[in-house]
Amino acid sequence: MARLEQGQVEEGRRLLEEALRADPSSVSAMHGLARALDLAGERLEARALLERAHAQAPTEPEPACDLAMLYLEKEMDSRAEQVLAPVLKAQPEHPRANLHMAMALAKTDPARARGHAAQALRTTDPELRKQAEELHRVLVQP
C-alpha cells in the first residue's frame, strides 16, 4: 500500500499480486490490489476484488467503504447501503462509513442520512470533515 501512496502504482500492484498469491485469503492484500487496479483504470476487476474482500470480512471498514463508493458512483445506492450496514453495526462511529451511508441514503431517507452525516462530522480528518460538512449542508436545505 505504501507504494500506491507514493504513486508507484505498477510496483505496488506487483507487490500486492505477490502478497495475494502468497495468502489468497488476505483481505488487506485484496483491498490493496483493488486500489491499485482502480488507479490503473481497471474498475471492474477492482470491484470484483472488493466484493470478494467484503464477502470474507463484511465488518472491515476500508474495503467496504471503497466498494460502497464504487456502487454510489454507479447510482447503486441501496447496494452501497447493504455493504455499509455490517460495518456500522460493528463500528457505529466510523467516520468514513457514516459519510458513505449518508450519501447512500440521501435520496431515499434524508432524515437517516442527516444522522449519518452528523456522525461523520465528528471526524478529525480535515478532508473527510469537509465532505461531511458539504453533504450535511445539502441535507438540511429545504
Protein backbone atom coordinates (compact mmCIF):
# COMPACT_ATOMS: atom_id res chain seq x y z
CA MET A 1 0.00 0.00 0.00
CA ALA A 2 2.91 2.33 0.68
CA ARG A 3 3.96 2.12 -2.98
CA LEU A 4 0.47 3.14 -4.07
CA GLU A 5 0.53 6.11 -1.73
CA GLN A 6 3.88 7.12 -3.24
CA GLY A 7 2.36 7.00 -6.73
CA GLN A 8 4.20 3.82 -7.74
CA VAL A 9 1.08 2.04 -8.97
CA GLU A 10 2.74 -0.66 -11.09
CA GLU A 11 5.26 -1.61 -8.42
CA GLY A 12 2.54 -1.55 -5.76
CA ARG A 13 0.33 -3.70 -7.93
CA ARG A 14 3.11 -6.22 -8.49
CA LEU A 15 3.82 -6.48 -4.76
CA LEU A 16 0.14 -6.80 -3.87
CA GLU A 17 -0.41 -9.50 -6.50
CA GLU A 18 2.53 -11.33 -4.98
CA ALA A 19 1.08 -10.94 -1.48
CA LEU A 20 -2.31 -12.21 -2.63
CA ARG A 21 -0.73 -15.24 -4.29
CA ALA A 22 1.09 -15.98 -1.03
CA ASP A 23 -2.12 -15.60 1.01
CA PRO A 24 -5.26 -15.77 -1.16
CA SER A 25 -7.48 -15.07 1.86
CA SER A 26 -5.74 -11.81 2.84
CA VAL A 27 -8.38 -9.09 2.94
CA SER A 28 -5.62 -6.50 3.23
CA ALA A 29 -3.94 -7.74 0.03
CA MET A 30 -7.30 -7.89 -1.79
CA HIS A 31 -8.10 -4.34 -0.72
CA GLY A 32 -4.68 -3.02 -1.68
CA LEU A 33 -4.74 -4.73 -5.06
CA ALA A 34 -8.26 -3.41 -5.67
CA ARG A 35 -6.98 0.11 -5.02
CA ALA A 36 -4.09 -0.46 -7.45
CA LEU A 37 -6.47 -1.79 -10.10
CA ASP A 38 -8.78 1.19 -9.60
CA LEU A 39 -5.86 3.59 -10.00
CA ALA A 40 -4.91 1.75 -13.20
CA GLY A 41 -8.44 2.22 -14.54
CA GLU A 42 -9.43 -1.42 -14.13
CA ARG A 43 -12.65 -0.69 -12.24
CA LEU A 44 -14.46 -3.99 -12.90
CA GLU A 45 -11.55 -6.01 -11.58
CA ALA A 46 -11.23 -3.67 -8.61
CA ARG A 47 -14.91 -4.06 -7.81
CA ALA A 48 -14.72 -7.86 -8.05
CA LEU A 49 -11.83 -7.92 -5.56
CA LEU A 50 -13.59 -5.54 -3.20
CA GLU A 51 -16.71 -7.71 -3.35
CA ARG A 52 -14.57 -10.74 -2.52
CA ALA A 53 -12.89 -8.90 0.38
CA HIS A 54 -16.25 -7.71 1.67
CA ALA A 55 -17.75 -11.21 1.47
CA GLN A 56 -14.86 -12.51 3.52
CA ALA A 57 -14.79 -9.67 6.07
CA PRO A 58 -18.11 -7.78 5.98
CA THR A 59 -17.31 -5.61 9.01
CA GLU A 60 -13.90 -4.46 7.71
CA PRO A 61 -14.48 -0.75 7.06
CA GLU A 62 -11.92 0.22 4.42
CA PRO A 63 -12.77 -2.33 1.70
CA ALA A 64 -16.48 -1.83 2.44
CA CYS A 65 -16.19 1.95 2.11
CA ASP A 66 -14.30 1.66 -1.17
CA LEU A 67 -16.85 -0.83 -2.50
CA ALA A 68 -19.73 1.37 -1.38
CA MET A 69 -18.17 4.32 -3.19
CA LEU A 70 -17.94 2.32 -6.41
CA TYR A 71 -21.61 1.43 -6.03
CA LEU A 72 -22.54 5.06 -5.31
CA GLU A 73 -20.72 6.17 -8.46
CA LYS A 74 -22.95 3.73 -10.40
CA GLU A 75 -26.06 5.02 -8.57
CA MET A 76 -26.46 1.69 -6.82
CA ASP A 77 -27.33 3.42 -3.55
CA SER A 78 -29.25 0.53 -1.98
CA ARG A 79 -26.34 -1.83 -2.67
CA ALA A 80 -23.96 0.66 -1.01
CA GLU A 81 -26.29 0.78 1.99
CA GLN A 82 -26.23 -3.03 2.25
CA VAL A 83 -22.43 -3.09 2.16
CA LEU A 84 -22.08 -0.45 4.86
CA ALA A 85 -24.71 -1.81 7.27
CA PRO A 86 -22.49 -4.53 8.83
CA VAL A 87 -19.60 -2.08 9.22
CA LEU A 88 -21.76 0.44 11.04
CA LYS A 89 -23.31 -2.26 13.19
CA ALA A 90 -19.81 -3.25 14.32
CA GLN A 91 -18.35 0.29 14.39
CA PRO A 92 -21.22 2.80 14.62
CA GLU A 93 -18.90 5.78 14.89
CA HIS A 94 -16.69 5.01 11.89
CA PRO A 95 -16.50 8.42 10.11
CA ARG A 96 -15.96 7.29 6.53
CA ALA A 97 -18.62 4.57 6.74
CA ASN A 98 -21.06 7.13 8.16
CA LEU A 99 -20.27 9.60 5.39
CA HIS A 100 -20.80 6.98 2.70
CA MET A 101 -24.00 5.77 4.36
CA ALA A 102 -25.28 9.36 4.39
CA MET A 103 -24.59 9.53 0.65
CA ALA A 104 -26.36 6.21 0.08
CA LEU A 105 -29.45 7.36 1.99
CA ALA A 106 -29.57 10.97 0.80
CA LYS A 107 -32.22 10.41 -1.89
CA THR A 108 -34.42 7.85 -0.14
CA ASP A 109 -34.16 8.62 3.58
CA PRO A 110 -32.84 12.15 4.19
CA ALA A 111 -33.55 12.03 7.93
CA ARG A 112 -31.35 8.96 8.43
CA ALA A 113 -28.81 10.45 6.03
CA ARG A 114 -28.57 13.57 8.21
CA GLY A 115 -27.87 11.41 11.26
CA HIS A 116 -25.03 9.63 9.50
CA ALA A 117 -23.66 12.93 8.16
CA ALA A 118 -23.75 14.38 11.68
CA GLN A 119 -21.83 11.34 12.94
CA ALA A 120 -19.26 11.80 10.16
CA LEU A 121 -18.79 15.43 11.24
CA ARG A 122 -17.11 14.17 14.42
CA THR A 123 -14.02 13.09 12.48
CA THR A 124 -10.65 14.70 12.99
CA ASP A 125 -9.70 14.07 9.34
CA PRO A 126 -9.95 17.50 7.68
CA GLU A 127 -10.80 16.24 4.17
CA LEU A 128 -13.45 13.85 5.44
CA ARG A 129 -14.87 16.57 7.68
CA LYS A 130 -15.10 18.96 4.72
CA GLN A 131 -17.02 16.36 2.69
CA ALA A 132 -19.33 15.68 5.64
CA GLU A 133 -19.97 19.42 6.10
CA GLU A 134 -20.86 19.84 2.43
CA LEU A 135 -23.20 16.86 2.47
CA HIS A 136 -24.79 17.94 5.74
CA ARG A 137 -25.45 21.41 4.26
CA VAL A 138 -27.25 19.85 1.29
CA LEU A 139 -29.27 17.52 3.52
CA VAL A 140 -30.57 20.28 5.79
CA GLN A 141 -31.70 22.56 2.96
CA PRO A 142 -35.48 22.67 2.49
